[in-house]
Amino acid sequence: MLPERIRDRQAPTEPCTAVAAALPGVVDGSIRLDRADRRHVEQCLRCQAELAQYRKLLRAMQALRTSTAPVPTGLVTDVLAHLEAAGERSAVRAALTGRKVAYLGGIAAATAAAGAGAAIVLVSRGRKGRLPLAG
């Protein structure tokens, strides 16, 4: 059998693995360990160290909850100015996009009208030399 010191340095045993997942809940009070797991934590230095780390982390998080950062002077004004500028850019972009559609529609209509006019001119030139059918 290995001496106690060497056994502590080895990889976590099965009880350590089972207890390790519950330790954060033990610290915040959402989980209670059964008698066997409590006895394991009382005897296992690795689990005690992990429990101490979770307690330290919880204290640090609670300290952060009460601390506030001061708001820099002019921050609200700067944020509102940037939001207004972004809104104006968006409105200009939307207006230009709408105009592009109108311009493209106008160009398409003009092209269609020019094509129809050219077709009428070509047809009428081709009929000048012929005799009218009705008449």
N, C-alpha and C. Protein backbone atom coordinates (compact mmCIF):
# COMPACT_ATOMS: atom_id res chain seq x y z
N MET A 1 0.85 -1.17 0.00
CA MET A 1 0.00 0.00 0.00
C MET A 1 0.89 1.23 0.00
N LEU A 2 0.45 2.31 -0.69
CA LEU A 2 1.23 3.53 -0.81
C LEU A 2 1.12 4.37 0.46
N PRO A 3 2.18 5.08 0.79
CA PRO A 3 2.09 6.00 1.93
C PRO A 3 1.06 7.10 1.63
N GLU A 4 0.55 7.73 2.68
CA GLU A 4 -0.52 8.74 2.57
C GLU A 4 -0.11 9.92 1.69
N ARG A 5 1.13 10.39 1.78
CA ARG A 5 1.58 11.55 0.99
C ARG A 5 1.57 11.24 -0.50
N ILE A 6 2.03 10.08 -0.86
CA ILE A 6 2.09 9.71 -2.28
C ILE A 6 0.67 9.56 -2.81
N ARG A 7 -0.23 8.99 -2.05
CA ARG A 7 -1.60 8.81 -2.47
C ARG A 7 -2.28 10.16 -2.74
N ASP A 8 -1.97 11.20 -1.97
CA ASP A 8 -2.57 12.51 -2.15
C ASP A 8 -2.13 13.17 -3.46
N ARG A 9 -0.94 12.85 -3.94
CA ARG A 9 -0.43 13.47 -5.16
C ARG A 9 -0.98 12.81 -6.42
N GLN A 10 -1.55 11.65 -6.32
CA GLN A 10 -2.06 10.95 -7.49
C GLN A 10 -3.33 11.62 -8.00
N ALA A 11 -3.80 11.14 -9.14
CA ALA A 11 -5.02 11.68 -9.74
C ALA A 11 -6.19 11.49 -8.78
N PRO A 12 -7.21 12.34 -8.88
CA PRO A 12 -8.35 12.23 -7.98
C PRO A 12 -9.00 10.85 -8.07
N THR A 13 -9.45 10.38 -6.94
CA THR A 13 -10.09 9.07 -6.90
C THR A 13 -11.55 9.22 -7.26
N GLU A 14 -12.25 8.12 -7.29
CA GLU A 14 -13.68 8.11 -7.62
C GLU A 14 -14.51 9.01 -6.71
N PRO A 15 -14.34 8.96 -5.38
CA PRO A 15 -15.13 9.88 -4.53
C PRO A 15 -14.84 11.35 -4.82
N CYS A 16 -13.58 11.68 -5.11
CA CYS A 16 -13.24 13.08 -5.43
C CYS A 16 -13.98 13.52 -6.68
N THR A 17 -14.03 12.68 -7.67
CA THR A 17 -14.70 13.03 -8.92
C THR A 17 -16.19 13.23 -8.68
N ALA A 18 -16.80 12.38 -7.88
CA ALA A 18 -18.23 12.50 -7.60
C ALA A 18 -18.53 13.75 -6.77
N VAL A 19 -17.68 14.05 -5.80
CA VAL A 19 -17.92 15.18 -4.91
C VAL A 19 -17.59 16.50 -5.61
N ALA A 20 -16.60 16.50 -6.50
CA ALA A 20 -16.14 17.74 -7.14
C ALA A 20 -17.27 18.44 -7.90
N ALA A 21 -18.15 17.68 -8.53
CA ALA A 21 -19.24 18.30 -9.29
C ALA A 21 -20.24 18.98 -8.36
N ALA A 22 -20.34 18.54 -7.12
CA ALA A 22 -21.32 19.10 -6.19
C ALA A 22 -20.78 20.26 -5.37
N LEU A 23 -19.47 20.46 -5.33
CA LEU A 23 -18.89 21.48 -4.45
C LEU A 23 -19.37 22.90 -4.72
N PRO A 24 -19.53 23.34 -5.97
CA PRO A 24 -20.05 24.70 -6.18
C PRO A 24 -21.45 24.88 -5.57
N GLY A 25 -22.28 23.85 -5.68
CA GLY A 25 -23.61 23.92 -5.09
C GLY A 25 -23.57 23.91 -3.57
N VAL A 26 -22.58 23.22 -3.00
CA VAL A 26 -22.43 23.19 -1.55
C VAL A 26 -22.10 24.59 -1.05
N VAL A 27 -21.24 25.29 -1.78
CA VAL A 27 -20.81 26.63 -1.35
C VAL A 27 -21.98 27.62 -1.40
N ASP A 28 -22.78 27.56 -2.48
CA ASP A 28 -23.88 28.54 -2.56
C ASP A 28 -25.15 28.07 -1.86
N GLY A 29 -25.12 26.86 -1.29
CA GLY A 29 -26.24 26.39 -0.48
C GLY A 29 -27.33 25.67 -1.24
N SER A 30 -27.13 25.44 -2.53
CA SER A 30 -28.17 24.77 -3.31
C SER A 30 -28.09 23.24 -3.23
N ILE A 31 -26.96 22.72 -2.74
CA ILE A 31 -26.77 21.27 -2.61
C ILE A 31 -26.26 20.95 -1.22
N ARG A 32 -26.77 19.84 -0.66
CA ARG A 32 -26.26 19.35 0.63
C ARG A 32 -25.63 17.99 0.38
N LEU A 33 -24.45 17.81 0.93
CA LEU A 33 -23.76 16.52 0.78
C LEU A 33 -24.32 15.51 1.77
N ASP A 34 -24.34 14.25 1.34
CA ASP A 34 -24.76 13.22 2.29
C ASP A 34 -23.60 12.92 3.25
N ARG A 35 -23.83 12.07 4.20
CA ARG A 35 -22.86 11.81 5.25
C ARG A 35 -21.54 11.27 4.69
N ALA A 36 -21.60 10.36 3.75
CA ALA A 36 -20.37 9.76 3.18
C ALA A 36 -19.54 10.83 2.45
N ASP A 37 -20.21 11.68 1.67
CA ASP A 37 -19.49 12.73 0.94
C ASP A 37 -18.90 13.76 1.90
N ARG A 38 -19.64 14.13 2.94
CA ARG A 38 -19.10 15.06 3.94
C ARG A 38 -17.86 14.47 4.61
N ARG A 39 -17.93 13.18 4.94
CA ARG A 39 -16.79 12.53 5.58
C ARG A 39 -15.59 12.52 4.62
N HIS A 40 -15.86 12.30 3.33
CA HIS A 40 -14.78 12.32 2.34
C HIS A 40 -14.12 13.70 2.29
N VAL A 41 -14.94 14.76 2.25
CA VAL A 41 -14.39 16.12 2.17
C VAL A 41 -13.59 16.44 3.42
N GLU A 42 -14.05 15.97 4.57
CA GLU A 42 -13.33 16.23 5.81
C GLU A 42 -11.96 15.56 5.82
N GLN A 43 -11.79 14.47 5.08
CA GLN A 43 -10.53 13.74 5.09
C GLN A 43 -9.65 14.01 3.87
N CYS A 44 -10.23 14.55 2.80
CA CYS A 44 -9.50 14.72 1.54
C CYS A 44 -9.00 16.17 1.41
N LEU A 45 -7.70 16.34 1.38
CA LEU A 45 -7.13 17.68 1.26
C LEU A 45 -7.43 18.31 -0.10
N ARG A 46 -7.46 17.50 -1.14
CA ARG A 46 -7.74 18.00 -2.48
C ARG A 46 -9.16 18.60 -2.53
N CYS A 47 -10.12 17.89 -2.00
CA CYS A 47 -11.51 18.38 -1.99
C CYS A 47 -11.66 19.59 -1.06
N GLN A 48 -10.95 19.62 0.03
CA GLN A 48 -10.99 20.77 0.94
C GLN A 48 -10.44 22.01 0.24
N ALA A 49 -9.34 21.82 -0.51
CA ALA A 49 -8.74 22.95 -1.23
C ALA A 49 -9.70 23.47 -2.30
N GLU A 50 -10.36 22.56 -2.99
CA GLU A 50 -11.30 22.98 -4.02
C GLU A 50 -12.50 23.71 -3.41
N LEU A 51 -12.97 23.22 -2.28
CA LEU A 51 -14.07 23.87 -1.57
C LEU A 51 -13.66 25.28 -1.12
N ALA A 52 -12.43 25.41 -0.65
CA ALA A 52 -11.93 26.73 -0.23
C ALA A 52 -11.85 27.68 -1.42
N GLN A 53 -11.46 27.18 -2.59
CA GLN A 53 -11.39 28.02 -3.80
C GLN A 53 -12.79 28.51 -4.20
N TYR A 54 -13.76 27.61 -4.14
CA TYR A 54 -15.13 28.01 -4.48
C TYR A 54 -15.65 29.06 -3.49
N ARG A 55 -15.33 28.91 -2.22
CA ARG A 55 -15.76 29.90 -1.22
C ARG A 55 -15.12 31.26 -1.50
N LYS A 56 -13.83 31.23 -1.84
CA LYS A 56 -13.11 32.46 -2.15
C LYS A 56 -13.72 33.13 -3.40
N LEU A 57 -14.03 32.34 -4.40
CA LEU A 57 -14.64 32.86 -5.62
C LEU A 57 -16.02 33.47 -5.33
N LEU A 58 -16.81 32.81 -4.51
CA LEU A 58 -18.13 33.33 -4.16
C LEU A 58 -18.02 34.66 -3.40
N ARG A 59 -17.05 34.76 -2.49
CA ARG A 59 -16.85 36.04 -1.78
C ARG A 59 -16.46 37.15 -2.74
N ALA A 60 -15.59 36.83 -3.69
CA ALA A 60 -15.17 37.85 -4.66
C ALA A 60 -16.35 38.29 -5.52
N MET A 61 -17.19 37.36 -5.92
CA MET A 61 -18.36 37.71 -6.73
C MET A 61 -19.36 38.55 -5.94
N GLN A 62 -19.52 38.24 -4.66
CA GLN A 62 -20.42 39.04 -3.83
C GLN A 62 -19.87 40.45 -3.64
N ALA A 63 -18.56 40.58 -3.54
CA ALA A 63 -17.96 41.91 -3.41
C ALA A 63 -18.18 42.72 -4.69
N LEU A 64 -18.14 42.07 -5.84
CA LEU A 64 -18.39 42.76 -7.10
C LEU A 64 -19.83 43.24 -7.21
N ARG A 65 -20.73 42.51 -6.59
CA ARG A 65 -22.15 42.86 -6.67
C ARG A 65 -22.40 44.24 -6.04
N THR A 66 -21.66 44.57 -5.01
CA THR A 66 -21.90 45.83 -4.30
C THR A 66 -21.09 46.99 -4.86
N SER A 67 -20.07 46.71 -5.65
CA SER A 67 -19.24 47.80 -6.18
C SER A 67 -19.85 48.33 -7.47
N THR A 68 -19.73 49.64 -7.68
CA THR A 68 -20.20 50.27 -8.91
C THR A 68 -19.08 51.11 -9.50
N ALA A 69 -19.10 51.21 -10.80
CA ALA A 69 -18.10 52.02 -11.49
C ALA A 69 -18.70 53.39 -11.76
N PRO A 70 -17.93 54.45 -11.57
CA PRO A 70 -18.47 55.79 -11.84
C PRO A 70 -18.67 55.99 -13.34
N VAL A 71 -19.72 56.70 -13.71
CA VAL A 71 -20.00 56.99 -15.11
C VAL A 71 -19.13 58.16 -15.54
N PRO A 72 -18.34 58.00 -16.59
CA PRO A 72 -17.49 59.10 -17.06
C PRO A 72 -18.33 60.30 -17.50
N THR A 73 -17.80 61.48 -17.28
CA THR A 73 -18.48 62.71 -17.65
C THR A 73 -18.67 62.77 -19.17
N GLY A 74 -19.87 63.07 -19.59
CA GLY A 74 -20.14 63.21 -21.02
C GLY A 74 -20.44 61.91 -21.73
N LEU A 75 -20.46 60.81 -21.04
CA LEU A 75 -20.69 59.52 -21.70
C LEU A 75 -22.08 59.46 -22.32
N VAL A 76 -23.09 59.87 -21.59
CA VAL A 76 -24.46 59.82 -22.10
C VAL A 76 -24.60 60.70 -23.33
N THR A 77 -24.03 61.88 -23.29
CA THR A 77 -24.09 62.81 -24.43
C THR A 77 -23.41 62.20 -25.65
N ASP A 78 -22.23 61.61 -25.45
CA ASP A 78 -21.52 60.98 -26.57
C ASP A 78 -22.31 59.83 -27.17
N VAL A 79 -22.89 59.00 -26.31
CA VAL A 79 -23.67 57.86 -26.80
C VAL A 79 -24.86 58.34 -27.61
N LEU A 80 -25.58 59.34 -27.10
CA LEU A 80 -26.74 59.86 -27.82
C LEU A 80 -26.33 60.48 -29.16
N ALA A 81 -25.20 61.18 -29.19
CA ALA A 81 -24.73 61.79 -30.43
C ALA A 81 -24.38 60.71 -31.46
N HIS A 82 -23.72 59.65 -31.02
CA HIS A 82 -23.37 58.57 -31.94
C HIS A 82 -24.63 57.86 -32.46
N LEU A 83 -25.61 57.67 -31.59
CA LEU A 83 -26.85 57.03 -32.02
C LEU A 83 -27.58 57.89 -33.04
N GLU A 84 -27.60 59.20 -32.81
CA GLU A 84 -28.26 60.10 -33.75
C GLU A 84 -27.55 60.08 -35.11
N ALA A 85 -26.22 60.11 -35.09
CA ALA A 85 -25.46 60.07 -36.35
C ALA A 85 -25.70 58.76 -37.09
N ALA A 86 -25.74 57.67 -36.37
CA ALA A 86 -25.99 56.37 -37.00
C ALA A 86 -27.39 56.32 -37.59
N GLY A 87 -28.35 56.92 -36.90
CA GLY A 87 -29.72 56.98 -37.42
C GLY A 87 -29.81 57.79 -38.69
N GLU A 88 -29.09 58.91 -38.73
CA GLU A 88 -29.09 59.75 -39.94
C GLU A 88 -28.46 59.02 -41.12
N ARG A 89 -27.35 58.33 -40.87
CA ARG A 89 -26.70 57.56 -41.94
C ARG A 89 -27.64 56.49 -42.47
N SER A 90 -28.36 55.86 -41.57
CA SER A 90 -29.30 54.82 -41.97
C SER A 90 -30.43 55.40 -42.80
N ALA A 91 -30.93 56.57 -42.41
CA ALA A 91 -32.01 57.21 -43.16
C ALA A 91 -31.55 57.62 -44.56
N VAL A 92 -30.34 58.16 -44.68
CA VAL A 92 -29.80 58.55 -45.98
C VAL A 92 -29.64 57.32 -46.87
N ARG A 93 -29.12 56.24 -46.29
CA ARG A 93 -28.94 55.00 -47.04
C ARG A 93 -30.28 54.48 -47.54
N ALA A 94 -31.31 54.53 -46.68
CA ALA A 94 -32.64 54.05 -47.07
C ALA A 94 -33.21 54.92 -48.19
N ALA A 95 -33.01 56.23 -48.11
CA ALA A 95 -33.53 57.13 -49.15
C ALA A 95 -32.83 56.86 -50.47
N LEU A 96 -31.52 56.67 -50.44
CA LEU A 96 -30.78 56.40 -51.68
C LEU A 96 -31.20 55.07 -52.28
N THR A 97 -31.43 54.10 -51.45
CA THR A 97 -31.85 52.79 -51.95
C THR A 97 -33.21 52.91 -52.62
N GLY A 98 -34.12 53.65 -52.03
CA GLY A 98 -35.44 53.86 -52.64
C GLY A 98 -35.33 54.60 -53.96
N ARG A 99 -34.45 55.58 -54.05
CA ARG A 99 -34.26 56.33 -55.30
C ARG A 99 -33.65 55.44 -56.38
N LYS A 100 -32.76 54.56 -55.99
CA LYS A 100 -32.15 53.66 -56.99
C LYS A 100 -33.22 52.83 -57.66
N VAL A 101 -34.17 52.34 -56.88
CA VAL A 101 -35.25 51.54 -57.45
C VAL A 101 -36.07 52.38 -58.42
N ALA A 102 -36.35 53.63 -58.03
CA ALA A 102 -37.12 54.51 -58.91
C ALA A 102 -36.34 54.81 -60.19
N TYR A 103 -35.03 55.08 -60.06
CA TYR A 103 -34.21 55.35 -61.24
C TYR A 103 -34.17 54.15 -62.17
N LEU A 104 -33.99 52.98 -61.60
CA LEU A 104 -33.94 51.77 -62.43
C LEU A 104 -35.27 51.53 -63.12
N GLY A 105 -36.37 51.79 -62.42
CA GLY A 105 -37.69 51.64 -63.04
C GLY A 105 -37.89 52.62 -64.18
N GLY A 106 -37.45 53.86 -63.98
CA GLY A 106 -37.56 54.86 -65.04
C GLY A 106 -36.72 54.51 -66.25
N ILE A 107 -35.52 54.03 -66.00
CA ILE A 107 -34.65 53.64 -67.11
C ILE A 107 -35.25 52.46 -67.88
N ALA A 108 -35.80 51.51 -67.14
CA ALA A 108 -36.43 50.35 -67.79
C ALA A 108 -37.63 50.79 -68.63
N ALA A 109 -38.45 51.72 -68.12
CA ALA A 109 -39.61 52.20 -68.88
C ALA A 109 -39.16 52.97 -70.12
N ALA A 110 -38.14 53.80 -69.98
CA ALA A 110 -37.64 54.56 -71.13
C ALA A 110 -37.06 53.63 -72.19
N THR A 111 -36.36 52.60 -71.75
CA THR A 111 -35.79 51.64 -72.69
C THR A 111 -36.90 50.89 -73.43
N ALA A 112 -37.93 50.51 -72.68
CA ALA A 112 -39.05 49.82 -73.32
C ALA A 112 -39.75 50.73 -74.32
N ALA A 113 -39.94 52.00 -73.97
CA ALA A 113 -40.59 52.94 -74.88
C ALA A 113 -39.73 53.17 -76.12
N ALA A 114 -38.43 53.28 -75.93
CA ALA A 114 -37.53 53.48 -77.08
C ALA A 114 -37.56 52.25 -77.98
N GLY A 115 -37.57 51.08 -77.39
CA GLY A 115 -37.63 49.85 -78.19
C GLY A 115 -38.93 49.76 -78.96
N ALA A 116 -40.04 50.13 -78.32
CA ALA A 116 -41.33 50.09 -79.01
C ALA A 116 -41.36 51.12 -80.15
N GLY A 117 -40.81 52.30 -79.89
CA GLY A 117 -40.76 53.34 -80.93
C GLY A 117 -39.92 52.90 -82.11
N ALA A 118 -38.80 52.28 -81.82
CA ALA A 118 -37.94 51.79 -82.90
C ALA A 118 -38.63 50.70 -83.69
N ALA A 119 -39.36 49.85 -83.04
CA ALA A 119 -40.09 48.79 -83.74
C ALA A 119 -41.16 49.38 -84.66
N ILE A 120 -41.85 50.42 -84.17
CA ILE A 120 -42.89 51.06 -85.00
C ILE A 120 -42.26 51.72 -86.22
N VAL A 121 -41.13 52.40 -86.03
CA VAL A 121 -40.45 53.05 -87.15
C VAL A 121 -40.00 52.02 -88.17
N LEU A 122 -39.44 50.93 -87.72
CA LEU A 122 -38.97 49.89 -88.66
C LEU A 122 -40.14 49.26 -89.41
N VAL A 123 -41.22 49.04 -88.74
CA VAL A 123 -42.38 48.44 -89.40
C VAL A 123 -42.97 49.42 -90.41
N SER A 124 -43.06 50.69 -90.04
CA SER A 124 -43.65 51.67 -90.95
C SER A 124 -42.76 51.90 -92.17
N ARG A 125 -41.46 51.83 -92.07
CA ARG A 125 -40.55 51.98 -93.22
C ARG A 125 -40.68 50.79 -94.16
N GLY A 126 -40.87 49.64 -93.58
CA GLY A 126 -41.00 48.45 -94.41
C GLY A 126 -42.30 48.44 -95.19
N ARG A 127 -43.34 49.13 -94.79
CA ARG A 127 -44.65 49.13 -95.45
C ARG A 127 -44.79 50.26 -96.48
N LYS A 128 -43.90 51.20 -96.58
CA LYS A 128 -44.04 52.35 -97.48
C LYS A 128 -44.08 51.91 -98.94
N GLY A 129 -43.32 50.93 -99.29
CA GLY A 129 -43.26 50.50 -100.69
C GLY A 129 -44.39 49.57 -101.06
N ARG A 130 -45.19 49.10 -100.18
CA ARG A 130 -46.25 48.14 -100.46
C ARG A 130 -47.59 48.86 -100.63
N LEU A 131 -48.48 48.18 -101.29
CA LEU A 131 -49.83 48.71 -101.47
C LEU A 131 -50.67 48.37 -100.26
N PRO A 132 -51.54 49.28 -99.85
CA PRO A 132 -52.42 48.95 -98.73
C PRO A 132 -53.40 47.86 -99.10
N LEU A 133 -53.72 46.98 -98.20
CA LEU A 133 -54.60 45.85 -98.45
C LEU A 133 -56.06 46.27 -98.43
N ALA A 134 -56.41 47.11 -97.57
CA ALA A 134 -57.80 47.51 -97.48
C ALA A 134 -58.01 48.81 -98.23
N GLY A 135 -59.11 48.93 -98.87
CA GLY A 135 -59.30 50.12 -99.39
C GLY A 135 -59.85 50.92 -100.29
